[in-house]
Each structure stands twice: as C-alpha cells, then as structure tokens.
C-alpha cells in the first residue's frame, strides 16, 4: 500500500480526515473526505498544524503536499526505510 503523501510503500496505513473529526462531529456533519497515509506522515501533520488550520487551509492532499513545512518533511521521509520507525519533529 502506498502512502498518499510521501508515496512510500508501507505495510500499514492510517486514515487521515482532511477535515478534522472534531469539526464535523460538532456540526453533526458527515465525516468528510479521508486519505490513507503512513503513521509518520500522520503524526507529523498533527505535530505541525492545529485542527483549525487543517480544516480551513490544509483540507486537500495537494494543499498538504504543497505546504512548506510538509514539503521539507516529505523530501526527508521519502529517503527513510519504510520498516524504520520515524521520529516526529514537534513545532518549536
């Protein structure tokens, strides 16, 4: 299976809600679109961005891929062994 962000072949993927669940649950709306991504990308997204920014600005795969911090991370993570656990870098 291929991560929709870093495009690495992974054994397992996680489901990322492009519009965070807390936003849709509060409004009793449908969960919205999802993408299948590796745990490293998923953890990094939530380390970099709060749910408000994810819901308003980074709510498509292309927007996530083209965000400056994520681009830098994706360039790095693509070189990492898919079997290796990747450490998440928190925002400073």
PDB file of N, CA and C in Angstrom:
ATOM      1  N   UNK A   1       0.844  -1.176   0.000  1.00  0.00           N
ATOM      2  CA  UNK A   1       0.000   0.000   0.000  1.00  0.00           C
ATOM      3  C   UNK A   1       0.890   1.240   0.000  1.00  0.00           C
ATOM      4  N   UNK A   2       0.461   2.234  -0.721  1.00  0.00           N
ATOM      5  CA  UNK A   2       1.273   3.432  -0.862  1.00  0.00           C
ATOM      6  C   UNK A   2       0.669   4.605  -0.088  1.00  0.00           C
ATOM      7  N   UNK A   3       1.523   5.301   0.671  1.00  0.00           N
ATOM      8  CA  UNK A   3       1.100   6.495   1.392  1.00  0.00           C
ATOM      9  C   UNK A   3       0.760   7.576   0.364  1.00  0.00           C
ATOM     10  N   UNK A   4      -0.379   8.225   0.536  1.00  0.00           N
ATOM     11  CA  UNK A   4      -0.820   9.247  -0.416  1.00  0.00           C
ATOM     12  C   UNK A   4      -0.033  10.553  -0.293  1.00  0.00           C
ATOM     13  N   UNK A   5       0.786  10.693   0.753  1.00  0.00           N
ATOM     14  CA  UNK A   5       1.609  11.901   0.876  1.00  0.00           C
ATOM     15  C   UNK A   5       3.055  11.636   0.483  1.00  0.00           C
ATOM     16  N   UNK A   6       3.724  10.734   1.196  1.00  0.00           N
ATOM     17  CA  UNK A   6       5.154  10.517   0.910  1.00  0.00           C
ATOM     18  C   UNK A   6       5.379   9.507  -0.217  1.00  0.00           C
ATOM     19  N   UNK A   7       4.331   8.774  -0.576  1.00  0.00           N
ATOM     20  CA  UNK A   7       4.365   7.806  -1.676  1.00  0.00           C
ATOM     21  C   UNK A   7       5.273   6.604  -1.419  1.00  0.00           C
ATOM     22  N   UNK A   8       5.617   6.371  -0.145  1.00  0.00           N
ATOM     23  CA  UNK A   8       6.402   5.172   0.185  1.00  0.00           C
ATOM     24  C   UNK A   8       5.463   3.975   0.246  1.00  0.00           C
ATOM     25  N   UNK A   9       5.991   2.816  -0.113  1.00  0.00           N
ATOM     26  CA  UNK A   9       5.238   1.568   0.015  1.00  0.00           C
ATOM     27  C   UNK A   9       5.302   1.142   1.478  1.00  0.00           C
ATOM     28  N   UNK A  10       4.134   1.008   2.093  1.00  0.00           N
ATOM     29  CA  UNK A  10       4.064   0.700   3.514  1.00  0.00           C
ATOM     30  C   UNK A  10       3.242  -0.557   3.750  1.00  0.00           C
ATOM     31  N   UNK A  11       3.537  -1.230   4.858  1.00  0.00           N
ATOM     32  CA  UNK A  11       2.776  -2.412   5.225  1.00  0.00           C
ATOM     33  C   UNK A  11       1.385  -2.018   5.726  1.00  0.00           C
ATOM     34  N   UNK A  12       1.337  -0.911   6.498  1.00  0.00           N
ATOM     35  CA  UNK A  12       0.063  -0.438   7.045  1.00  0.00           C
ATOM     36  C   UNK A  12      -0.070   1.066   6.830  1.00  0.00           C
ATOM     37  N   UNK A  13      -1.300   1.494   6.645  1.00  0.00           N
ATOM     38  CA  UNK A  13      -1.596   2.920   6.504  1.00  0.00           C
ATOM     39  C   UNK A  13      -2.652   3.313   7.527  1.00  0.00           C
ATOM     40  N   UNK A  14      -2.729   4.603   7.814  1.00  0.00           N
ATOM     41  CA  UNK A  14      -3.755   5.124   8.708  1.00  0.00           C
ATOM     42  C   UNK A  14      -4.686   6.023   7.904  1.00  0.00           C
ATOM     43  N   UNK A  15      -5.873   6.250   8.429  1.00  0.00           N
ATOM     44  CA  UNK A  15      -6.852   7.111   7.757  1.00  0.00           C
ATOM     45  C   UNK A  15      -6.742   8.509   8.362  1.00  0.00           C
ATOM     46  N   UNK A  16      -6.532   9.488   7.491  1.00  0.00           N
ATOM     47  CA  UNK A  16      -6.481  10.892   7.924  1.00  0.00           C
ATOM     48  C   UNK A  16      -7.708  11.617   7.385  1.00  0.00           C
ATOM     49  N   UNK A  17      -8.463  12.240   8.287  1.00  0.00           N
ATOM     50  CA  UNK A  17      -9.629  13.035   7.878  1.00  0.00           C
ATOM     51  C   UNK A  17      -9.130  14.398   7.424  1.00  0.00           C
ATOM     52  N   UNK A  18      -9.394  14.753   6.180  1.00  0.00           N
ATOM     53  CA  UNK A  18      -8.924  16.037   5.657  1.00  0.00           C
ATOM     54  C   UNK A  18      -9.583  17.205   6.380  1.00  0.00           C
ATOM     55  N   UNK A  19     -10.794  17.017   6.835  1.00  0.00           N
ATOM     56  CA  UNK A  19     -11.436  17.991   7.722  1.00  0.00           C
ATOM     57  C   UNK A  19     -11.540  17.287   9.074  1.00  0.00           C
ATOM     58  N   UNK A  20     -10.796  17.779  10.065  1.00  0.00           N
ATOM     59  CA  UNK A  20     -10.728  17.070  11.356  1.00  0.00           C
ATOM     60  C   UNK A  20     -12.097  16.695  11.907  1.00  0.00           C
ATOM     61  N   UNK A  21     -12.156  15.520  12.505  1.00  0.00           N
ATOM     62  CA  UNK A  21     -13.411  14.976  13.040  1.00  0.00           C
ATOM     63  C   UNK A  21     -14.051  15.907  14.058  1.00  0.00           C
ATOM     64  N   UNK A  22     -13.266  16.607  14.846  1.00  0.00           N
ATOM     65  CA  UNK A  22     -13.871  17.486  15.854  1.00  0.00           C
ATOM     66  C   UNK A  22     -14.730  18.566  15.192  1.00  0.00           C
ATOM     67  N   UNK A  23     -14.354  18.988  13.994  1.00  0.00           N
ATOM     68  CA  UNK A  23     -15.140  19.997  13.276  1.00  0.00           C
ATOM     69  C   UNK A  23     -16.456  19.414  12.760  1.00  0.00           C
ATOM     70  N   UNK A  24     -16.408  18.198  12.233  1.00  0.00           N
ATOM     71  CA  UNK A  24     -17.625  17.608  11.669  1.00  0.00           C
ATOM     72  C   UNK A  24     -18.538  17.058  12.757  1.00  0.00           C
ATOM     73  N   UNK A  25     -17.962  16.519  13.832  1.00  0.00           N
ATOM     74  CA  UNK A  25     -18.781  15.982  14.929  1.00  0.00           C
ATOM     75  C   UNK A  25     -19.593  17.090  15.578  1.00  0.00           C
ATOM     76  N   UNK A  26     -18.949  18.228  15.832  1.00  0.00           N
ATOM     77  CA  UNK A  26     -19.613  19.352  16.495  1.00  0.00           C
ATOM     78  C   UNK A  26     -20.826  19.814  15.689  1.00  0.00           C
ATOM     79  N   UNK A  27     -20.679  19.787  14.363  1.00  0.00           N
ATOM     80  CA  UNK A  27     -21.769  20.246  13.486  1.00  0.00           C
ATOM     81  C   UNK A  27     -22.703  19.104  13.080  1.00  0.00           C
ATOM     82  N   UNK A  28     -22.451  17.916  13.652  1.00  0.00           N
ATOM     83  CA  UNK A  28     -23.214  16.718  13.319  1.00  0.00           C
ATOM     84  C   UNK A  28     -23.263  16.483  11.803  1.00  0.00           C
ATOM     85  N   UNK A  29     -22.119  16.732  11.177  1.00  0.00           N
ATOM     86  CA  UNK A  29     -21.995  16.573   9.728  1.00  0.00           C
ATOM     87  C   UNK A  29     -21.314  15.246   9.404  1.00  0.00           C
ATOM     88  N   UNK A  30     -21.380  14.863   8.160  1.00  0.00           N
ATOM     89  CA  UNK A  30     -20.687  13.653   7.697  1.00  0.00           C
ATOM     90  C   UNK A  30     -19.184  13.851   7.893  1.00  0.00           C
ATOM     91  N   UNK A  31     -18.444  12.767   8.126  1.00  0.00           N
ATOM     92  CA  UNK A  31     -17.020  12.877   8.417  1.00  0.00           C
ATOM     93  C   UNK A  31     -16.174  13.542   7.324  1.00  0.00           C
ATOM     94  N   UNK A  32     -16.627  13.550   6.108  1.00  0.00           N
ATOM     95  CA  UNK A  32     -15.863  14.206   5.046  1.00  0.00           C
ATOM     96  C   UNK A  32     -14.794  13.302   4.451  1.00  0.00           C
ATOM     97  N   UNK A  33     -14.036  13.839   3.496  1.00  0.00           N
ATOM     98  CA  UNK A  33     -13.053  13.028   2.774  1.00  0.00           C
ATOM     99  C   UNK A  33     -11.872  12.602   3.650  1.00  0.00           C
ATOM    100  N   UNK A  34     -11.325  11.447   3.300  1.00  0.00           N
ATOM    101  CA  UNK A  34     -10.152  10.921   4.010  1.00  0.00           C
ATOM    102  C   UNK A  34      -9.081  10.528   2.999  1.00  0.00           C
ATOM    103  N   UNK A  35      -7.847  10.419   3.497  1.00  0.00           N
ATOM    104  CA  UNK A  35      -6.754   9.872   2.696  1.00  0.00           C
ATOM    105  C   UNK A  35      -6.049   8.807   3.522  1.00  0.00           C
ATOM    106  N   UNK A  36      -5.388   7.882   2.846  1.00  0.00           N
ATOM    107  CA  UNK A  36      -4.634   6.823   3.510  1.00  0.00           C
ATOM    108  C   UNK A  36      -3.157   7.190   3.504  1.00  0.00           C
ATOM    109  N   UNK A  37      -2.632   7.368   4.707  1.00  0.00           N
ATOM    110  CA  UNK A  37      -1.238   7.797   4.829  1.00  0.00           C
ATOM    111  C   UNK A  37      -0.508   6.965   5.878  1.00  0.00           C
ATOM    112  N   UNK A  38       0.815   6.988   5.810  1.00  0.00           N
ATOM    113  CA  UNK A  38       1.618   6.248   6.781  1.00  0.00           C
ATOM    114  C   UNK A  38       1.574   6.960   8.131  1.00  0.00           C
ATOM    115  N   UNK A  39       1.917   6.250   9.174  1.00  0.00           N
ATOM    116  CA  UNK A  39       1.843   6.832  10.515  1.00  0.00           C
ATOM    117  C   UNK A  39       2.831   7.986  10.678  1.00  0.00           C
ATOM    118  N   UNK A  40       3.980   7.941  10.004  1.00  0.00           N
ATOM    119  CA  UNK A  40       4.958   9.037  10.104  1.00  0.00           C
ATOM    120  C   UNK A  40       4.366  10.338   9.567  1.00  0.00           C
ATOM    121  N   UNK A  41       3.746  10.281   8.403  1.00  0.00           N
ATOM    122  CA  UNK A  41       3.109  11.478   7.823  1.00  0.00           C
ATOM    123  C   UNK A  41       1.967  11.951   8.701  1.00  0.00           C
ATOM    124  N   UNK A  42       1.170  11.005   9.209  1.00  0.00           N
ATOM    125  CA  UNK A  42       0.016  11.351  10.034  1.00  0.00           C
ATOM    126  C   UNK A  42       0.461  12.066  11.313  1.00  0.00           C
ATOM    127  N   UNK A  43       1.447  11.504  11.975  1.00  0.00           N
ATOM    128  CA  UNK A  43       1.948  12.120  13.205  1.00  0.00           C
ATOM    129  C   UNK A  43       2.533  13.495  12.925  1.00  0.00           C
ATOM    130  N   UNK A  44       3.248  13.619  11.820  1.00  0.00           N
ATOM    131  CA  UNK A  44       3.887  14.893  11.504  1.00  0.00           C
ATOM    132  C   UNK A  44       2.857  15.975  11.187  1.00  0.00           C
ATOM    133  N   UNK A  45       1.800  15.626  10.485  1.00  0.00           N
ATOM    134  CA  UNK A  45       0.733  16.588  10.195  1.00  0.00           C
ATOM    135  C   UNK A  45       0.190  17.184  11.496  1.00  0.00           C
ATOM    136  N   UNK A  46      -0.115  16.304  12.451  1.00  0.00           N
ATOM    137  CA  UNK A  46      -0.713  16.773  13.699  1.00  0.00           C
ATOM    138  C   UNK A  46       0.303  17.451  14.623  1.00  0.00           C
ATOM    139  N   UNK A  47       1.585  17.205  14.402  1.00  0.00           N
ATOM    140  CA  UNK A  47       2.623  17.923  15.160  1.00  0.00           C
ATOM    141  C   UNK A  47       2.801  19.339  14.614  1.00  0.00           C
ATOM    142  N   UNK A  48       2.696  19.492  13.310  1.00  0.00           N
ATOM    143  CA  UNK A  48       2.885  20.798  12.666  1.00  0.00           C
ATOM    144  C   UNK A  48       1.666  21.714  12.776  1.00  0.00           C
ATOM    145  N   UNK A  49       0.472  21.170  12.619  1.00  0.00           N
ATOM    146  CA  UNK A  49      -0.708  22.003  12.398  1.00  0.00           C
ATOM    147  C   UNK A  49      -1.820  21.712  13.396  1.00  0.00           C
ATOM    148  N   UNK A  50      -2.521  22.763  13.806  1.00  0.00           N
ATOM    149  CA  UNK A  50      -3.683  22.556  14.668  1.00  0.00           C
ATOM    150  C   UNK A  50      -4.899  22.248  13.784  1.00  0.00           C
ATOM    151  N   UNK A  51      -5.947  21.744  14.421  1.00  0.00           N
ATOM    152  CA  UNK A  51      -7.133  21.314  13.671  1.00  0.00           C
ATOM    153  C   UNK A  51      -7.806  22.457  12.927  1.00  0.00           C
ATOM    154  N   UNK A  52      -7.736  23.663  13.475  1.00  0.00           N
ATOM    155  CA  UNK A  52      -8.360  24.814  12.816  1.00  0.00           C
ATOM    156  C   UNK A  52      -7.696  25.072  11.463  1.00  0.00           C
ATOM    157  N   UNK A  53      -6.354  25.058  11.436  1.00  0.00           N
ATOM    158  CA  UNK A  53      -5.642  25.282  10.176  1.00  0.00           C
ATOM    159  C   UNK A  53      -5.877  24.128   9.204  1.00  0.00           C
ATOM    160  N   UNK A  54      -5.898  22.908   9.730  1.00  0.00           N
ATOM    161  CA  UNK A  54      -6.166  21.748   8.870  1.00  0.00           C
ATOM    162  C   UNK A  54      -7.539  21.859   8.220  1.00  0.00           C
ATOM    163  N   UNK A  55      -8.525  22.268   8.980  1.00  0.00           N
ATOM    164  CA  UNK A  55      -9.899  22.363   8.455  1.00  0.00           C
ATOM    165  C   UNK A  55     -10.042  23.490   7.439  1.00  0.00           C
ATOM    166  N   UNK A  56      -9.404  24.638   7.712  1.00  0.00           N
ATOM    167  CA  UNK A  56      -9.618  25.814   6.871  1.00  0.00           C
ATOM    168  C   UNK A  56      -8.679  25.904   5.676  1.00  0.00           C
ATOM    169  N   UNK A  57      -7.416  25.507   5.860  1.00  0.00           N
ATOM    170  CA  UNK A  57      -6.416  25.737   4.811  1.00  0.00           C
ATOM    171  C   UNK A  57      -5.845  24.467   4.187  1.00  0.00           C
ATOM    172  N   UNK A  58      -5.648  23.439   4.991  1.00  0.00           N
ATOM    173  CA  UNK A  58      -4.926  22.251   4.514  1.00  0.00           C
ATOM    174  C   UNK A  58      -5.867  21.054   4.403  1.00  0.00           C
ATOM    175  N   UNK A  59      -6.992  21.268   3.719  1.00  0.00           N
ATOM    176  CA  UNK A  59      -8.036  20.241   3.680  1.00  0.00           C
ATOM    177  C   UNK A  59      -8.089  19.447   2.371  1.00  0.00           C
ATOM    178  N   UNK A  60      -6.990  19.445   1.631  1.00  0.00           N
ATOM    179  CA  UNK A  60      -6.862  18.573   0.452  1.00  0.00           C
ATOM    180  C   UNK A  60      -5.462  17.961   0.454  1.00  0.00           C
ATOM    181  N   UNK A  61      -5.312  16.882  -0.265  1.00  0.00           N
ATOM    182  CA  UNK A  61      -4.000  16.238  -0.365  1.00  0.00           C
ATOM    183  C   UNK A  61      -2.981  17.193  -0.977  1.00  0.00           C
ATOM    184  N   UNK A  62      -3.371  17.896  -2.040  1.00  0.00           N
ATOM    185  CA  UNK A  62      -2.446  18.824  -2.705  1.00  0.00           C
ATOM    186  C   UNK A  62      -2.017  19.959  -1.787  1.00  0.00           C
ATOM    187  N   UNK A  63      -2.958  20.500  -1.036  1.00  0.00           N
ATOM    188  CA  UNK A  63      -2.605  21.593  -0.118  1.00  0.00           C
ATOM    189  C   UNK A  63      -1.633  21.123   0.953  1.00  0.00           C
ATOM    190  N   UNK A  64      -1.847  19.909   1.460  1.00  0.00           N
ATOM    191  CA  UNK A  64      -0.916  19.349   2.451  1.00  0.00           C
ATOM    192  C   UNK A  64       0.468  19.152   1.837  1.00  0.00           C
ATOM    193  N   UNK A  65       0.502  18.560   0.634  1.00  0.00           N
ATOM    194  CA  UNK A  65       1.778  18.292  -0.036  1.00  0.00           C
ATOM    195  C   UNK A  65       2.545  19.571  -0.365  1.00  0.00           C
ATOM    196  N   UNK A  66       1.821  20.659  -0.629  1.00  0.00           N
ATOM    197  CA  UNK A  66       2.464  21.895  -1.060  1.00  0.00           C
ATOM    198  C   UNK A  66       2.762  22.869   0.071  1.00  0.00           C
ATOM    199  N   UNK A  67       2.388  22.523   1.299  1.00  0.00           N
ATOM    200  CA  UNK A  67       2.692  23.374   2.441  1.00  0.00           C
ATOM    201  C   UNK A  67       4.192  23.272   2.714  1.00  0.00           C
ATOM    202  N   UNK A  68       4.865  24.395   2.968  1.00  0.00           N
ATOM    203  CA  UNK A  68       6.331  24.452   3.060  1.00  0.00           C
ATOM    204  C   UNK A  68       6.930  23.481   4.077  1.00  0.00           C
ATOM    205  N   UNK A  69       6.385  23.442   5.281  1.00  0.00           N
ATOM    206  CA  UNK A  69       6.919  22.532   6.305  1.00  0.00           C
ATOM    207  C   UNK A  69       6.757  21.078   5.887  1.00  0.00           C
ATOM    208  N   UNK A  70       5.602  20.748   5.326  1.00  0.00           N
ATOM    209  CA  UNK A  70       5.363  19.366   4.902  1.00  0.00           C
ATOM    210  C   UNK A  70       6.250  18.991   3.729  1.00  0.00           C
ATOM    211  N   UNK A  71       6.476  19.920   2.799  1.00  0.00           N
ATOM    212  CA  UNK A  71       7.351  19.625   1.661  1.00  0.00           C
ATOM    213  C   UNK A  71       8.732  19.211   2.149  1.00  0.00           C
ATOM    214  N   UNK A  72       9.249  19.957   3.115  1.00  0.00           N
ATOM    215  CA  UNK A  72      10.572  19.665   3.676  1.00  0.00           C
ATOM    216  C   UNK A  72      10.573  18.279   4.332  1.00  0.00           C
ATOM    217  N   UNK A  73       9.523  17.991   5.119  1.00  0.00           N
ATOM    218  CA  UNK A  73       9.403  16.695   5.770  1.00  0.00           C
ATOM    219  C   UNK A  73       9.285  15.572   4.743  1.00  0.00           C
ATOM    220  N   UNK A  74       8.457  15.763   3.716  1.00  0.00           N
ATOM    221  CA  UNK A  74       8.237  14.728   2.704  1.00  0.00           C
ATOM    222  C   UNK A  74       9.520  14.417   1.937  1.00  0.00           C
ATOM    223  N   UNK A  75      10.305  15.438   1.632  1.00  0.00           N
ATOM    224  CA  UNK A  75      11.592  15.206   0.963  1.00  0.00           C
ATOM    225  C   UNK A  75      12.482  14.305   1.817  1.00  0.00           C
ATOM    226  N   UNK A  76      12.476  14.553   3.112  1.00  0.00           N
ATOM    227  CA  UNK A  76      13.305  13.767   4.024  1.00  0.00           C
ATOM    228  C   UNK A  76      12.744  12.355   4.212  1.00  0.00           C
ATOM    229  N   UNK A  77      11.447  12.235   4.490  1.00  0.00           N
ATOM    230  CA  UNK A  77      10.869  10.933   4.839  1.00  0.00           C
ATOM    231  C   UNK A  77      10.886   9.966   3.656  1.00  0.00           C
ATOM    232  N   UNK A  78      10.834  10.478   2.444  1.00  0.00           N
ATOM    233  CA  UNK A  78      10.869   9.597   1.265  1.00  0.00           C
ATOM    234  C   UNK A  78      12.161   8.778   1.201  1.00  0.00           C
ATOM    235  N   UNK A  79      13.214   9.287   1.823  1.00  0.00           N
ATOM    236  CA  UNK A  79      14.514   8.599   1.819  1.00  0.00           C
ATOM    237  C   UNK A  79      14.632   7.579   2.945  1.00  0.00           C
ATOM    238  N   UNK A  80      13.656   7.564   3.844  1.00  0.00           N
ATOM    239  CA  UNK A  80      13.725   6.684   5.010  1.00  0.00           C
ATOM    240  C   UNK A  80      13.190   5.293   4.690  1.00  0.00           C
ATOM    241  N   UNK A  81      13.757   4.315   5.345  1.00  0.00           N
ATOM    242  CA  UNK A  81      13.334   2.929   5.205  1.00  0.00           C
ATOM    243  C   UNK A  81      11.906   2.797   5.745  1.00  0.00           C
ATOM    244  N   UNK A  82      10.972   2.268   4.947  1.00  0.00           N
ATOM    245  CA  UNK A  82       9.579   2.128   5.399  1.00  0.00           C
ATOM    246  C   UNK A  82       9.426   1.261   6.655  1.00  0.00           C
ATOM    247  N   UNK A  83      10.384   0.369   6.917  1.00  0.00           N
ATOM    248  CA  UNK A  83      10.309  -0.502   8.093  1.00  0.00           C
ATOM    249  C   UNK A  83      10.807   0.196   9.356  1.00  0.00           C
ATOM    250  N   UNK A  84      11.462   1.317   9.191  1.00  0.00           N
ATOM    251  CA  UNK A  84      12.046   2.048  10.321  1.00  0.00           C
ATOM    252  C   UNK A  84      11.014   2.996  10.924  1.00  0.00           C
ATOM    253  N   UNK A  85      10.974   3.037  12.250  1.00  0.00           N
ATOM    254  CA  UNK A  85      10.071   3.978  12.918  1.00  0.00           C
ATOM    255  C   UNK A  85      10.661   5.380  12.797  1.00  0.00           C
ATOM    256  N   UNK A  86       9.849   6.321  12.355  1.00  0.00           N
ATOM    257  CA  UNK A  86      10.306   7.691  12.128  1.00  0.00           C
ATOM    258  C   UNK A  86       9.880   8.551  13.304  1.00  0.00           C
ATOM    259  N   UNK A  87      10.834   9.329  13.825  1.00  0.00           N
ATOM    260  CA  UNK A  87      10.540  10.224  14.940  1.00  0.00           C
ATOM    261  C   UNK A  87       9.902  11.515  14.433  1.00  0.00           C
ATOM    262  N   UNK A  88       8.865  11.943  15.107  1.00  0.00           N
ATOM    263  CA  UNK A  88       8.147  13.165  14.728  1.00  0.00           C
ATOM    264  C   UNK A  88       8.866  14.374  15.309  1.00  0.00           C
ATOM    265  N   UNK A  89       8.956  15.420  14.506  1.00  0.00           N
ATOM    266  CA  UNK A  89       9.599  16.658  14.941  1.00  0.00           C
ATOM    267  C   UNK A  89       8.509  17.664  15.288  1.00  0.00           C
ATOM    268  N   UNK A  90       8.419  17.983  16.558  1.00  0.00           N
ATOM    269  CA  UNK A  90       7.400  18.943  17.020  1.00  0.00           C
ATOM    270  C   UNK A  90       7.755  20.353  16.570  1.00  0.00           C
ATOM    271  N   UNK A  91       6.730  21.184  16.409  1.00  0.00           N
ATOM    272  CA  UNK A  91       6.998  22.567  16.045  1.00  0.00           C
ATOM    273  C   UNK A  91       7.626  23.288  17.231  1.00  0.00           C
ATOM    274  N   UNK A  92       8.463  24.245  16.937  1.00  0.00           N
ATOM    275  CA  UNK A  92       9.183  24.959  18.008  1.00  0.00           C
ATOM    276  C   UNK A  92       8.617  26.328  18.216  1.00  0.00           C
TER     277      UNK A  92
END
